[in-house]
Amino acid sequence: MENKQMQASELNGTVTHEYRTEVGDFVQFIGMSAEGDVLYTREEYVMRVSTSTEEIEHPQEGSL
């Protein structure tokens, strides 16, 4: 599990700190005020995409 403190930002005039934690297949973000109150949480799921190429057989001319 990886935990990183993100750059401080402003939310409705309140200074917040965002923490990022990787948990299994998703990443959780927790926004906290300078006083330590949790302001928000959100999860993001990583989308893994794989591609494969397969040869397509083309019919020969004159055959159906």
Protein backbone atom coordinates (compact mmCIF):
# COMPACT_ATOMS: atom_id res chain seq x y z
CA MET A 1 0.00 0.00 0.00
CA GLU A 2 1.37 3.36 -1.01
CA ASN A 3 0.52 6.63 0.74
CA LYS A 4 1.44 10.03 -0.69
CA GLN A 5 0.60 13.51 0.51
CA MET A 6 -0.54 15.64 -2.38
CA GLN A 7 0.08 19.34 -2.81
CA ALA A 8 -1.98 21.65 -0.57
CA SER A 9 -4.97 23.23 -2.30
CA GLU A 10 -7.86 25.56 -1.52
CA LEU A 11 -11.45 24.32 -1.19
CA ASN A 12 -14.08 27.00 -0.49
CA GLY A 13 -11.44 29.24 1.08
CA THR A 14 -10.22 26.48 3.43
CA VAL A 15 -6.68 25.16 3.09
CA THR A 16 -6.80 21.41 2.50
CA HIS A 17 -4.32 18.60 2.12
CA GLU A 18 -5.06 15.65 -0.14
CA TYR A 19 -3.72 12.21 0.66
CA ARG A 20 -3.52 9.47 -1.97
CA THR A 21 -3.48 5.77 -1.05
CA GLU A 22 -3.30 2.87 -3.49
CA VAL A 23 -5.46 -0.03 -2.31
CA GLY A 24 -5.62 -3.07 -4.57
CA ASP A 25 -7.29 -2.10 -7.85
CA PHE A 26 -8.27 1.43 -6.84
CA VAL A 27 -6.79 4.68 -5.55
CA GLN A 28 -8.40 6.45 -2.59
CA PHE A 29 -8.11 10.21 -2.09
CA ILE A 30 -8.83 11.85 1.28
CA GLY A 31 -9.08 15.63 1.58
CA MET A 32 -8.37 17.00 5.06
CA SER A 33 -8.46 20.47 6.57
CA ALA A 34 -5.49 21.96 8.39
CA GLU A 35 -7.29 21.04 11.64
CA GLY A 36 -7.41 17.35 10.65
CA ASP A 37 -11.09 17.15 9.70
CA VAL A 38 -11.97 14.93 6.73
CA LEU A 39 -13.60 17.14 4.08
CA TYR A 40 -14.08 14.58 1.31
CA THR A 41 -13.10 11.14 0.08
CA ARG A 42 -13.17 9.69 -3.41
CA GLU A 43 -12.07 6.51 -5.15
CA GLU A 44 -10.71 6.13 -8.65
CA TYR A 45 -10.47 2.80 -10.42
CA VAL A 46 -7.64 2.16 -12.84
CA MET A 47 -8.85 1.03 -16.23
CA ARG A 48 -6.65 -1.60 -17.78
CA VAL A 49 -7.00 -2.02 -21.52
CA SER A 50 -5.42 -4.77 -23.54
CA THR A 51 -5.48 -5.10 -27.27
CA SER A 52 -4.79 -8.04 -29.48
CA THR A 53 -4.42 -8.31 -33.20
CA GLU A 54 -5.66 -11.34 -35.04
CA GLU A 55 -5.25 -12.09 -38.69
CA ILE A 56 -8.47 -11.87 -40.61
CA GLU A 57 -8.79 -14.35 -43.42
CA HIS A 58 -9.89 -12.68 -46.63
CA PRO A 59 -11.81 -14.77 -49.15
CA GLN A 60 -9.93 -15.34 -52.36
CA GLU A 61 -11.18 -13.67 -55.50
CA GLY A 62 -13.85 -15.60 -57.33
CA SER A 63 -14.97 -17.64 -54.30
CA LEU A 64 -17.93 -16.95 -52.05
